[in-house]
Amino acid sequence: MKSSKTHRSGTVILMNQALLQTNLGNLPILARGKVRDIYATTPAPDSDLLFIATDRISAFDHVLATGIPDKGKILTQLSLFWFDFLKDVVPNHLITADPPQFPQQLHPFFDQLSGRSMIVKRAKMFPVECVVRGYLSGSGWKDYQQTGTVCGISLPPGLRESDRLPEPIFTPAAKNNVGHDENISFETMINHIGAEPAKALRTLTLEIYTKATKHAASKGLILADTKFEFGLIDGKITLADEVLTPDSSRYWPAATYNPGGAQPSFDKQFVRDYLESIHWNKQAPAPALPDDVVIRTREKYLEAFRLITGQASLTP
């Protein structure tokens, strides 16, 4: 799945270099998500987990036939940056992202692991996504247009799409096995997981967002909204999964911010725009992407990585 071919200009295009699926021999695989393949490192029920971010990309709840080369490395290395940046705020599930330190049985698979994988502690995950919004966009904007509220939170009248909110709001979502996660009220979240954990997750989410938005602003970026996943490890709330990546967050360039409509963003914008332009019915099978959409999408992800981390290039 990592072949390449030559573009008519003579440069090597990237489309077929994407890692779309991993294969680690007899290692037990637990899940293949839209992006991540998750393995148990041992057969034991409490074993550590291996997370591998592939180059798969999804849109409109479908994984597309074409991947974005290096996308999995970008997501993993951004998450590693943020795990370290936030370590004084909240513990995380990371054990190591250095393949030579992985269990011996993984060493033959370094070509699939390098730069895009991490060994993590197994957590008892909360069945909610912790979403925080500082700006009115996406599903929040749609809710506001219809009801004047977002997840039951009343907002001032007359707000425009992409307006900054008076203060960040916590808008949780219930995890669904298929399709979009469902926006829920904080009261519903309390019913799902209990008042004390719900209040603790809300406080942590807003604290993380505040710290992250300051860092993003220092890099010329607006962090409009993001979502986190938390679990319990040894009874302590722990940050897990991916963190503050373009797949889980809405980043806008501050220099061109202009509320009153959608903003350019560092994510799947080119992919969504292309799929809308070909009038795909958003039913399986999902279409492939042309080279120019792949390349431009990859460039956006890389630009976000470089701005946020200050690093010129990915770890191979």
C-alpha atoms as a PDB file:
ATOM      1  CA  MET A   1       0.000   0.000   0.000  1.00  0.00           C
ATOM      2  CA  LYS A   2       3.023   2.273  -0.209  1.00  0.00           C
ATOM      3  CA  SER A   3       3.759   2.323  -3.918  1.00  0.00           C
ATOM      4  CA  SER A   4       4.252   5.589  -5.795  1.00  0.00           C
ATOM      5  CA  LYS A   5       3.967   6.807  -9.333  1.00  0.00           C
ATOM      6  CA  THR A   6       5.229   9.758 -11.332  1.00  0.00           C
ATOM      7  CA  HIS A   7       3.131  12.824 -11.938  1.00  0.00           C
ATOM      8  CA  ARG A   8       3.125  14.338 -15.433  1.00  0.00           C
ATOM      9  CA  SER A   9       5.397  17.119 -14.129  1.00  0.00           C
ATOM     10  CA  GLY A  10       8.002  14.523 -13.218  1.00  0.00           C
ATOM     11  CA  THR A  11       7.596  14.830  -9.470  1.00  0.00           C
ATOM     12  CA  VAL A  12       6.561  11.822  -7.386  1.00  0.00           C
ATOM     13  CA  ILE A  13       2.971  12.116  -6.281  1.00  0.00           C
ATOM     14  CA  LEU A  14       1.895  11.003  -2.857  1.00  0.00           C
ATOM     15  CA  MET A  15      -1.486   9.368  -3.270  1.00  0.00           C
ATOM     16  CA  ASN A  16      -0.416   5.722  -3.225  1.00  0.00           C
ATOM     17  CA  GLN A  17       2.095   6.103  -0.397  1.00  0.00           C
ATOM     18  CA  ALA A  18      -0.624   6.166   2.210  1.00  0.00           C
ATOM     19  CA  LEU A  19      -0.828   3.410   4.837  1.00  0.00           C
ATOM     20  CA  LEU A  20      -4.483   2.411   4.770  1.00  0.00           C
ATOM     21  CA  GLN A  21      -4.445  -0.718   6.937  1.00  0.00           C
ATOM     22  CA  THR A  22      -1.953  -2.379   9.234  1.00  0.00           C
ATOM     23  CA  ASN A  23      -1.137  -6.066   9.480  1.00  0.00           C
ATOM     24  CA  LEU A  24       0.891  -7.175  12.492  1.00  0.00           C
ATOM     25  CA  GLY A  25       0.788 -10.930  12.006  1.00  0.00           C
ATOM     26  CA  ASN A  26      -0.708 -12.790  14.954  1.00  0.00           C
ATOM     27  CA  LEU A  27      -0.984  -9.775  17.249  1.00  0.00           C
ATOM     28  CA  PRO A  28      -4.639  -9.550  18.334  1.00  0.00           C
ATOM     29  CA  ILE A  29      -6.418  -6.572  16.826  1.00  0.00           C
ATOM     30  CA  LEU A  30      -9.174  -5.069  18.932  1.00  0.00           C
ATOM     31  CA  ALA A  31     -10.596  -2.445  16.615  1.00  0.00           C
ATOM     32  CA  ARG A  32     -10.238  -0.707  13.296  1.00  0.00           C
ATOM     33  CA  GLY A  33     -11.692   2.765  13.564  1.00  0.00           C
ATOM     34  CA  LYS A  34     -12.017   5.426  10.921  1.00  0.00           C
ATOM     35  CA  VAL A  35      -8.325   6.236  11.407  1.00  0.00           C
ATOM     36  CA  ARG A  36      -6.802   4.091  14.150  1.00  0.00           C
ATOM     37  CA  ASP A  37      -5.989   0.395  14.331  1.00  0.00           C
ATOM     38  CA  ILE A  38      -5.838  -0.740  17.953  1.00  0.00           C
ATOM     39  CA  TYR A  39      -4.047  -3.892  19.087  1.00  0.00           C
ATOM     40  CA  ALA A  40      -3.542  -5.594  22.442  1.00  0.00           C
ATOM     41  CA  THR A  41       0.162  -6.029  23.165  1.00  0.00           C
ATOM     42  CA  THR A  42      -0.515  -9.349  24.936  1.00  0.00           C
ATOM     43  CA  PRO A  43      -3.517 -11.714  25.146  1.00  0.00           C
ATOM     44  CA  ALA A  44      -4.109 -10.664  28.772  1.00  0.00           C
ATOM     45  CA  PRO A  45      -7.406  -8.790  29.259  1.00  0.00           C
ATOM     46  CA  ASP A  46      -5.615  -5.933  31.044  1.00  0.00           C
ATOM     47  CA  SER A  47      -2.735  -5.651  28.561  1.00  0.00           C
ATOM     48  CA  ASP A  48      -1.401  -2.341  27.297  1.00  0.00           C
ATOM     49  CA  LEU A  49      -2.671  -1.178  23.920  1.00  0.00           C
ATOM     50  CA  LEU A  50      -0.932  -0.322  20.675  1.00  0.00           C
ATOM     51  CA  PHE A  51      -2.478   2.619  18.837  1.00  0.00           C
ATOM     52  CA  ILE A  52      -1.532   3.032  15.180  1.00  0.00           C
ATOM     53  CA  ALA A  53      -2.819   6.044  13.271  1.00  0.00           C
ATOM     54  CA  THR A  54      -3.218   5.066   9.631  1.00  0.00           C
ATOM     55  CA  ASP A  55      -3.545   7.481   6.723  1.00  0.00           C
ATOM     56  CA  ARG A  56      -7.237   6.760   6.281  1.00  0.00           C
ATOM     57  CA  ILE A  57      -9.493   9.771   5.987  1.00  0.00           C
ATOM     58  CA  SER A  58     -13.230   9.889   6.511  1.00  0.00           C
ATOM     59  CA  ALA A  59     -15.860  12.351   5.423  1.00  0.00           C
ATOM     60  CA  PHE A  60     -19.607  12.334   5.965  1.00  0.00           C
ATOM     61  CA  ASP A  61     -19.176   9.213   8.147  1.00  0.00           C
ATOM     62  CA  HIS A  62     -17.493   7.140   5.438  1.00  0.00           C
ATOM     63  CA  VAL A  63     -13.847   6.117   5.124  1.00  0.00           C
ATOM     64  CA  LEU A  64     -12.714   7.140   1.668  1.00  0.00           C
ATOM     65  CA  ALA A  65     -10.981   4.904  -0.830  1.00  0.00           C
ATOM     66  CA  THR A  66      -7.912   7.161  -0.862  1.00  0.00           C
ATOM     67  CA  GLY A  67      -5.687   7.986   2.090  1.00  0.00           C
ATOM     68  CA  ILE A  68      -3.657  11.119   2.864  1.00  0.00           C
ATOM     69  CA  PRO A  69       0.063  10.211   3.066  1.00  0.00           C
ATOM     70  CA  ASP A  70       1.630  10.942   6.482  1.00  0.00           C
ATOM     71  CA  LYS A  71      -1.716  11.916   8.011  1.00  0.00           C
ATOM     72  CA  GLY A  72      -1.342   9.250  10.700  1.00  0.00           C
ATOM     73  CA  LYS A  73       2.140  10.501  11.572  1.00  0.00           C
ATOM     74  CA  ILE A  74       0.858  14.059  11.798  1.00  0.00           C
ATOM     75  CA  LEU A  75      -1.996  13.081  14.121  1.00  0.00           C
ATOM     76  CA  THR A  76       0.249  10.977  16.347  1.00  0.00           C
ATOM     77  CA  GLN A  77       3.058  13.496  16.600  1.00  0.00           C
ATOM     78  CA  LEU A  78       0.661  16.363  17.279  1.00  0.00           C
ATOM     79  CA  SER A  79      -0.962  14.311  20.049  1.00  0.00           C
ATOM     80  CA  LEU A  80       2.474  13.601  21.528  1.00  0.00           C
ATOM     81  CA  PHE A  81       3.243  17.320  21.503  1.00  0.00           C
ATOM     82  CA  TRP A  82       0.009  18.135  23.301  1.00  0.00           C
ATOM     83  CA  PHE A  83       0.319  15.269  25.799  1.00  0.00           C
ATOM     84  CA  ASP A  84       3.652  16.764  26.858  1.00  0.00           C
ATOM     85  CA  PHE A  85       2.337  20.337  26.791  1.00  0.00           C
ATOM     86  CA  LEU A  86      -0.604  19.433  29.034  1.00  0.00           C
ATOM     87  CA  LYS A  87       1.114  17.013  31.402  1.00  0.00           C
ATOM     88  CA  ASP A  88       0.933  19.500  34.289  1.00  0.00           C
ATOM     89  CA  VAL A  89      -2.829  19.835  33.797  1.00  0.00           C
ATOM     90  CA  VAL A  90      -3.917  16.219  33.376  1.00  0.00           C
ATOM     91  CA  PRO A  91      -2.210  12.797  33.215  1.00  0.00           C
ATOM     92  CA  ASN A  92      -2.401  10.927  29.925  1.00  0.00           C
ATOM     93  CA  HIS A  93      -2.311   7.281  28.854  1.00  0.00           C
ATOM     94  CA  LEU A  94       0.994   7.365  26.940  1.00  0.00           C
ATOM     95  CA  ILE A  95       3.696   4.828  27.839  1.00  0.00           C
ATOM     96  CA  THR A  96       6.048   5.262  24.867  1.00  0.00           C
ATOM     97  CA  ALA A  97       5.996   6.271  21.221  1.00  0.00           C
ATOM     98  CA  ASP A  98       9.523   4.993  20.524  1.00  0.00           C
ATOM     99  CA  PRO A  99       9.259   1.727  18.556  1.00  0.00           C
ATOM    100  CA  PRO A 100      12.641   0.339  19.751  1.00  0.00           C
ATOM    101  CA  GLN A 101      11.101   0.383  23.249  1.00  0.00           C
ATOM    102  CA  PHE A 102       8.029  -1.541  22.094  1.00  0.00           C
ATOM    103  CA  PRO A 103       7.641  -5.235  22.989  1.00  0.00           C
ATOM    104  CA  GLN A 104       9.959  -7.515  21.029  1.00  0.00           C
ATOM    105  CA  GLN A 105       7.165  -9.062  18.961  1.00  0.00           C
ATOM    106  CA  LEU A 106       6.485  -5.656  17.375  1.00  0.00           C
ATOM    107  CA  HIS A 107      10.024  -5.078  16.128  1.00  0.00           C
ATOM    108  CA  PRO A 108       9.493  -6.773  12.723  1.00  0.00           C
ATOM    109  CA  PHE A 109       6.779  -4.208  11.952  1.00  0.00           C
ATOM    110  CA  PHE A 110       8.696  -0.962  12.357  1.00  0.00           C
ATOM    111  CA  ASP A 111       7.770   0.076   8.806  1.00  0.00           C
ATOM    112  CA  GLN A 112       4.122   0.244   9.908  1.00  0.00           C
ATOM    113  CA  LEU A 113       4.839   1.696  13.356  1.00  0.00           C
ATOM    114  CA  SER A 114       7.521   4.374  13.019  1.00  0.00           C
ATOM    115  CA  GLY A 115       6.265   7.880  13.625  1.00  0.00           C
ATOM    116  CA  ARG A 116       2.588   6.892  13.836  1.00  0.00           C
ATOM    117  CA  SER A 117       2.159   4.593  16.835  1.00  0.00           C
ATOM    118  CA  MET A 118       2.220   4.588  20.612  1.00  0.00           C
ATOM    119  CA  ILE A 119       1.908   2.111  23.432  1.00  0.00           C
ATOM    120  CA  VAL A 120      -0.680   3.296  25.924  1.00  0.00           C
ATOM    121  CA  LYS A 121      -2.191   2.188  29.185  1.00  0.00           C
ATOM    122  CA  ARG A 122      -5.625   0.640  28.960  1.00  0.00           C
ATOM    123  CA  ALA A 123      -8.250   2.969  30.421  1.00  0.00           C
ATOM    124  CA  LYS A 124     -11.875   2.541  31.376  1.00  0.00           C
ATOM    125  CA  MET A 125     -13.249   5.131  28.973  1.00  0.00           C
ATOM    126  CA  PHE A 126     -16.126   7.464  29.762  1.00  0.00           C
ATOM    127  CA  PRO A 127     -18.928   6.990  27.190  1.00  0.00           C
ATOM    128  CA  VAL A 128     -18.964  10.698  26.304  1.00  0.00           C
ATOM    129  CA  GLU A 129     -16.888  13.025  24.211  1.00  0.00           C
ATOM    130  CA  CYS A 130     -15.986  16.237  25.984  1.00  0.00           C
ATOM    131  CA  VAL A 131     -16.537  19.024  23.472  1.00  0.00           C
ATOM    132  CA  VAL A 132     -15.679  22.660  24.107  1.00  0.00           C
ATOM    133  CA  ARG A 133     -16.614  25.520  21.812  1.00  0.00           C
ATOM    134  CA  GLY A 134     -15.155  29.007  21.858  1.00  0.00           C
ATOM    135  CA  TYR A 135     -16.708  30.004  18.535  1.00  0.00           C
ATOM    136  CA  LEU A 136     -20.038  29.340  16.870  1.00  0.00           C
ATOM    137  CA  SER A 137     -19.458  26.845  14.061  1.00  0.00           C
ATOM    138  CA  GLY A 138     -20.315  23.378  12.783  1.00  0.00           C
ATOM    139  CA  SER A 139     -23.187  21.584  14.482  1.00  0.00           C
ATOM    140  CA  GLY A 140     -23.250  24.300  17.151  1.00  0.00           C
ATOM    141  CA  TRP A 141     -24.088  26.893  14.525  1.00  0.00           C
ATOM    142  CA  LYS A 142     -26.842  24.672  13.127  1.00  0.00           C
ATOM    143  CA  ASP A 143     -28.330  24.186  16.597  1.00  0.00           C
ATOM    144  CA  TYR A 144     -28.170  27.911  17.313  1.00  0.00           C
ATOM    145  CA  GLN A 145     -29.953  28.787  14.073  1.00  0.00           C
ATOM    146  CA  GLN A 146     -32.808  26.471  14.964  1.00  0.00           C
ATOM    147  CA  THR A 147     -33.136  27.011  18.709  1.00  0.00           C
ATOM    148  CA  GLY A 148     -30.910  29.871  19.870  1.00  0.00           C
ATOM    149  CA  THR A 149     -29.099  27.339  22.045  1.00  0.00           C
ATOM    150  CA  VAL A 150     -26.247  24.852  21.778  1.00  0.00           C
ATOM    151  CA  CYS A 151     -26.723  21.614  23.714  1.00  0.00           C
ATOM    152  CA  GLY A 152     -29.292  23.343  25.874  1.00  0.00           C
ATOM    153  CA  ILE A 153     -27.067  26.352  26.612  1.00  0.00           C
ATOM    154  CA  SER A 154     -28.776  29.637  25.768  1.00  0.00           C
ATOM    155  CA  LEU A 155     -26.685  32.083  23.752  1.00  0.00           C
ATOM    156  CA  PRO A 156     -27.241  35.795  23.002  1.00  0.00           C
ATOM    157  CA  PRO A 157     -29.445  36.546  19.987  1.00  0.00           C
ATOM    158  CA  GLY A 158     -27.991  37.868  16.747  1.00  0.00           C
ATOM    159  CA  LEU A 159     -24.758  35.858  16.682  1.00  0.00           C
ATOM    160  CA  ARG A 160     -23.234  35.117  13.280  1.00  0.00           C
ATOM    161  CA  GLU A 161     -21.561  31.963  12.032  1.00  0.00           C
ATOM    162  CA  SER A 162     -17.982  31.807  13.387  1.00  0.00           C
ATOM    163  CA  ASP A 163     -18.587  34.537  15.983  1.00  0.00           C
ATOM    164  CA  ARG A 164     -16.559  34.246  19.151  1.00  0.00           C
ATOM    165  CA  LEU A 165     -18.767  33.222  22.059  1.00  0.00           C
ATOM    166  CA  PRO A 166     -18.944  35.380  25.206  1.00  0.00           C
ATOM    167  CA  GLU A 167     -17.111  32.528  26.953  1.00  0.00           C
ATOM    168  CA  PRO A 168     -16.224  28.941  26.011  1.00  0.00           C
ATOM    169  CA  ILE A 169     -19.056  26.461  26.493  1.00  0.00           C
ATOM    170  CA  PHE A 170     -18.931  22.772  27.353  1.00  0.00           C
ATOM    171  CA  THR A 171     -21.146  20.760  24.989  1.00  0.00           C
ATOM    172  CA  PRO A 172     -20.735  17.006  25.508  1.00  0.00           C
ATOM    173  CA  ALA A 173     -21.668  14.307  23.017  1.00  0.00           C
ATOM    174  CA  ALA A 174     -22.735  10.724  23.590  1.00  0.00           C
ATOM    175  CA  LYS A 175     -20.583   8.208  21.722  1.00  0.00           C
ATOM    176  CA  ASN A 176     -22.402   6.222  19.075  1.00  0.00           C
ATOM    177  CA  ASN A 177     -21.045   3.090  17.450  1.00  0.00           C
ATOM    178  CA  VAL A 178     -22.142   4.266  14.017  1.00  0.00           C
ATOM    179  CA  GLY A 179     -22.647   7.667  12.494  1.00  0.00           C
ATOM    180  CA  HIS A 180     -22.272  11.012  14.205  1.00  0.00           C
ATOM    181  CA  ASP A 181     -21.948  11.274  17.954  1.00  0.00           C
ATOM    182  CA  GLU A 182     -25.066  12.791  19.485  1.00  0.00           C
ATOM    183  CA  ASN A 183     -24.916  16.197  21.141  1.00  0.00           C
ATOM    184  CA  ILE A 184     -26.376  16.019  24.642  1.00  0.00           C
ATOM    185  CA  SER A 185     -27.008  18.416  27.503  1.00  0.00           C
ATOM    186  CA  PHE A 186     -24.823  18.487  30.591  1.00  0.00           C
ATOM    187  CA  GLU A 187     -27.785  17.153  32.580  1.00  0.00           C
ATOM    188  CA  THR A 188     -27.964  14.136  30.258  1.00  0.00           C
ATOM    189  CA  MET A 189     -24.232  13.618  30.726  1.00  0.00           C
ATOM    190  CA  ILE A 190     -24.776  13.579  34.487  1.00  0.00           C
ATOM    191  CA  ASN A 191     -27.439  10.907  34.012  1.00  0.00           C
ATOM    192  CA  HIS A 192     -24.954   8.849  31.960  1.00  0.00           C
ATOM    193  CA  ILE A 193     -21.881   8.998  34.209  1.00  0.00           C
ATOM    194  CA  GLY A 194     -22.821  10.696  37.480  1.00  0.00           C
ATOM    195  CA  ALA A 195     -22.605  14.265  38.760  1.00  0.00           C
ATOM    196  CA  GLU A 196     -19.104  14.193  40.235  1.00  0.00           C
ATOM    197  CA  PRO A 197     -17.304  12.759  37.175  1.00  0.00           C
ATOM    198  CA  ALA A 198     -19.324  15.000  34.845  1.00  0.00           C
ATOM    199  CA  LYS A 199     -18.350  18.146  36.738  1.00  0.00           C
ATOM    200  CA  ALA A 200     -14.705  17.053  36.897  1.00  0.00           C
ATOM    201  CA  LEU A 201     -14.597  16.395  33.139  1.00  0.00           C
ATOM    202  CA  ARG A 202     -16.223  19.741  32.385  1.00  0.00           C
ATOM    203  CA  THR A 203     -13.696  21.584  34.539  1.00  0.00           C
ATOM    204  CA  LEU A 204     -10.755  19.731  32.968  1.00  0.00           C
ATOM    205  CA  THR A 205     -12.033  20.257  29.447  1.00  0.00           C
ATOM    206  CA  LEU A 206     -12.376  24.013  29.888  1.00  0.00           C
ATOM    207  CA  GLU A 207      -8.972  24.237  31.596  1.00  0.00           C
ATOM    208  CA  ILE A 208      -7.249  22.348  28.781  1.00  0.00           C
ATOM    209  CA  TYR A 209      -9.002  24.449  26.153  1.00  0.00           C
ATOM    210  CA  THR A 210      -7.936  27.687  27.826  1.00  0.00           C
ATOM    211  CA  LYS A 211      -4.300  26.636  27.886  1.00  0.00           C
ATOM    212  CA  ALA A 212      -4.378  25.285  24.343  1.00  0.00           C
ATOM    213  CA  THR A 213      -6.053  28.383  22.893  1.00  0.00           C
ATOM    214  CA  LYS A 214      -3.292  30.578  24.314  1.00  0.00           C
ATOM    215  CA  HIS A 215      -0.625  28.427  22.693  1.00  0.00           C
ATOM    216  CA  ALA A 216      -2.515  28.343  19.398  1.00  0.00           C
ATOM    217  CA  ALA A 217      -2.934  32.132  19.459  1.00  0.00           C
ATOM    218  CA  SER A 218       0.811  32.551  19.929  1.00  0.00           C
ATOM    219  CA  LYS A 219       1.232  30.620  16.667  1.00  0.00           C
ATOM    220  CA  GLY A 220      -1.305  32.678  14.714  1.00  0.00           C
ATOM    221  CA  LEU A 221      -4.118  30.154  15.069  1.00  0.00           C
ATOM    222  CA  ILE A 222      -7.639  30.271  16.476  1.00  0.00           C
ATOM    223  CA  LEU A 223      -8.740  27.068  18.189  1.00  0.00           C
ATOM    224  CA  ALA A 224     -12.459  27.380  17.515  1.00  0.00           C
ATOM    225  CA  ASP A 225     -13.519  24.109  19.130  1.00  0.00           C
ATOM    226  CA  THR A 226     -12.187  20.698  20.035  1.00  0.00           C
ATOM    227  CA  LYS A 227     -13.130  17.434  21.692  1.00  0.00           C
ATOM    228  CA  PHE A 228     -11.377  15.252  24.248  1.00  0.00           C
ATOM    229  CA  GLU A 229     -11.794  11.712  25.463  1.00  0.00           C
ATOM    230  CA  PHE A 230     -11.068  10.714  29.042  1.00  0.00           C
ATOM    231  CA  GLY A 231     -10.895   7.458  30.929  1.00  0.00           C
ATOM    232  CA  LEU A 232     -10.013   6.132  34.348  1.00  0.00           C
ATOM    233  CA  ILE A 233      -6.604   4.566  35.025  1.00  0.00           C
ATOM    234  CA  ASP A 234      -6.058   3.453  38.619  1.00  0.00           C
ATOM    235  CA  GLY A 235      -9.082   5.531  39.553  1.00  0.00           C
ATOM    236  CA  LYS A 236      -7.665   8.786  38.115  1.00  0.00           C
ATOM    237  CA  ILE A 237      -9.150  10.758  35.237  1.00  0.00           C
ATOM    238  CA  THR A 238      -6.749  10.425  32.326  1.00  0.00           C
ATOM    239  CA  LEU A 239      -6.566  12.089  28.909  1.00  0.00           C
ATOM    240  CA  ALA A 240      -6.642   9.489  26.128  1.00  0.00           C
ATOM    241  CA  ASP A 241      -6.935   8.916  22.383  1.00  0.00           C
ATOM    242  CA  GLU A 242      -5.857  11.828  20.145  1.00  0.00           C
ATOM    243  CA  VAL A 243      -5.501  15.372  21.426  1.00  0.00           C
ATOM    244  CA  LEU A 244      -5.979  18.713  19.668  1.00  0.00           C
ATOM    245  CA  THR A 245      -5.322  17.419  16.162  1.00  0.00           C
ATOM    246  CA  PRO A 246      -6.980  18.760  12.993  1.00  0.00           C
ATOM    247  CA  ASP A 247      -9.199  15.651  13.059  1.00  0.00           C
ATOM    248  CA  SER A 248     -10.578  16.468  16.514  1.00  0.00           C
ATOM    249  CA  SER A 249     -10.304  20.262  16.465  1.00  0.00           C
ATOM    250  CA  ARG A 250     -11.222  23.241  14.331  1.00  0.00           C
ATOM    251  CA  TYR A 251      -8.198  25.470  13.730  1.00  0.00           C
ATOM    252  CA  TRP A 252      -8.520  28.740  11.795  1.00  0.00           C
ATOM    253  CA  PRO A 253      -5.774  31.142  10.678  1.00  0.00           C
ATOM    254  CA  ALA A 254      -6.131  34.227  12.872  1.00  0.00           C
ATOM    255  CA  ALA A 255      -4.899  36.568  10.133  1.00  0.00           C
ATOM    256  CA  THR A 256      -7.906  35.900   7.907  1.00  0.00           C
ATOM    257  CA  TYR A 257     -10.578  35.508  10.602  1.00  0.00           C
ATOM    258  CA  ASN A 258     -13.779  37.140   9.372  1.00  0.00           C
ATOM    259  CA  PRO A 259     -16.986  36.108  11.194  1.00  0.00           C
ATOM    260  CA  GLY A 260     -20.233  35.948   9.299  1.00  0.00           C
ATOM    261  CA  GLY A 261     -19.539  32.717   7.419  1.00  0.00           C
ATOM    262  CA  ALA A 262     -17.392  29.609   7.369  1.00  0.00           C
ATOM    263  CA  GLN A 263     -13.656  30.059   7.905  1.00  0.00           C
ATOM    264  CA  PRO A 264     -10.745  28.379   6.111  1.00  0.00           C
ATOM    265  CA  SER A 265      -9.458  25.604   8.340  1.00  0.00           C
ATOM    266  CA  PHE A 266      -6.597  23.151   8.741  1.00  0.00           C
ATOM    267  CA  ASP A 267      -8.480  19.920   8.215  1.00  0.00           C
ATOM    268  CA  LYS A 268     -10.533  18.046   5.624  1.00  0.00           C
ATOM    269  CA  GLN A 269     -11.914  21.143   3.962  1.00  0.00           C
ATOM    270  CA  PHE A 270     -10.563  20.304   0.497  1.00  0.00           C
ATOM    271  CA  VAL A 271     -11.922  16.768   0.813  1.00  0.00           C
ATOM    272  CA  ARG A 272     -15.407  17.874   1.814  1.00  0.00           C
ATOM    273  CA  ASP A 273     -15.476  20.541  -0.884  1.00  0.00           C
ATOM    274  CA  TYR A 274     -14.458  18.025  -3.541  1.00  0.00           C
ATOM    275  CA  LEU A 275     -17.066  15.475  -2.451  1.00  0.00           C
ATOM    276  CA  GLU A 276     -19.768  18.133  -2.533  1.00  0.00           C
ATOM    277  CA  SER A 277     -18.623  19.243  -5.983  1.00  0.00           C
ATOM    278  CA  ILE A 278     -19.070  15.746  -7.460  1.00  0.00           C
ATOM    279  CA  HIS A 279     -22.511  15.415  -5.837  1.00  0.00           C
ATOM    280  CA  TRP A 280     -21.649  12.154  -4.097  1.00  0.00           C
ATOM    281  CA  ASN A 281     -24.767  10.746  -2.464  1.00  0.00           C
ATOM    282  CA  LYS A 282     -22.825  10.049   0.759  1.00  0.00           C
ATOM    283  CA  GLN A 283     -23.599   6.351   0.548  1.00  0.00           C
ATOM    284  CA  ALA A 284     -21.132   3.478   0.288  1.00  0.00           C
ATOM    285  CA  PRO A 285     -18.924   2.905  -1.563  1.00  0.00           C
ATOM    286  CA  ALA A 286     -17.000   6.084  -0.841  1.00  0.00           C
ATOM    287  CA  PRO A 287     -15.167   7.550  -3.845  1.00  0.00           C
ATOM    288  CA  ALA A 288     -11.432   7.935  -4.388  1.00  0.00           C
ATOM    289  CA  LEU A 289      -9.815  11.364  -4.333  1.00  0.00           C
ATOM    290  CA  PRO A 290      -7.865  13.029  -7.160  1.00  0.00           C
ATOM    291  CA  ASP A 291      -4.176  13.754  -6.651  1.00  0.00           C
ATOM    292  CA  ASP A 292      -4.562  17.509  -6.235  1.00  0.00           C
ATOM    293  CA  VAL A 293      -7.074  17.111  -3.393  1.00  0.00           C
ATOM    294  CA  VAL A 294      -4.796  14.591  -1.664  1.00  0.00           C
ATOM    295  CA  ILE A 295      -1.763  16.856  -1.957  1.00  0.00           C
ATOM    296  CA  ARG A 296      -3.544  20.022  -0.819  1.00  0.00           C
ATOM    297  CA  THR A 297      -5.121  18.219   2.143  1.00  0.00           C
ATOM    298  CA  ARG A 298      -1.747  16.803   3.185  1.00  0.00           C
ATOM    299  CA  GLU A 299      -0.221  20.270   2.970  1.00  0.00           C
ATOM    300  CA  LYS A 300      -2.898  21.683   5.281  1.00  0.00           C
ATOM    301  CA  TYR A 301      -2.329  18.980   7.890  1.00  0.00           C
ATOM    302  CA  LEU A 302       1.439  19.531   7.679  1.00  0.00           C
ATOM    303  CA  GLU A 303       1.039  23.281   7.991  1.00  0.00           C
ATOM    304  CA  ALA A 304      -0.968  22.845  11.178  1.00  0.00           C
ATOM    305  CA  PHE A 305       1.702  20.495  12.548  1.00  0.00           C
ATOM    306  CA  ARG A 306       4.535  22.928  11.822  1.00  0.00           C
ATOM    307  CA  LEU A 307       2.722  25.937  13.252  1.00  0.00           C
ATOM    308  CA  ILE A 308       1.596  24.234  16.452  1.00  0.00           C
ATOM    309  CA  THR A 309       4.774  22.328  17.280  1.00  0.00           C
ATOM    310  CA  GLY A 310       7.406  24.632  15.814  1.00  0.00           C
ATOM    311  CA  GLN A 311       9.018  21.575  14.224  1.00  0.00           C
ATOM    312  CA  ALA A 312      10.085  21.803  10.598  1.00  0.00           C
ATOM    313  CA  SER A 313       9.443  18.161   9.758  1.00  0.00           C
ATOM    314  CA  LEU A 314       7.884  14.951  11.013  1.00  0.00           C
ATOM    315  CA  THR A 315       9.786  12.219  12.774  1.00  0.00           C
ATOM    316  CA  PRO A 316      10.257   9.502  10.114  1.00  0.00           C
END
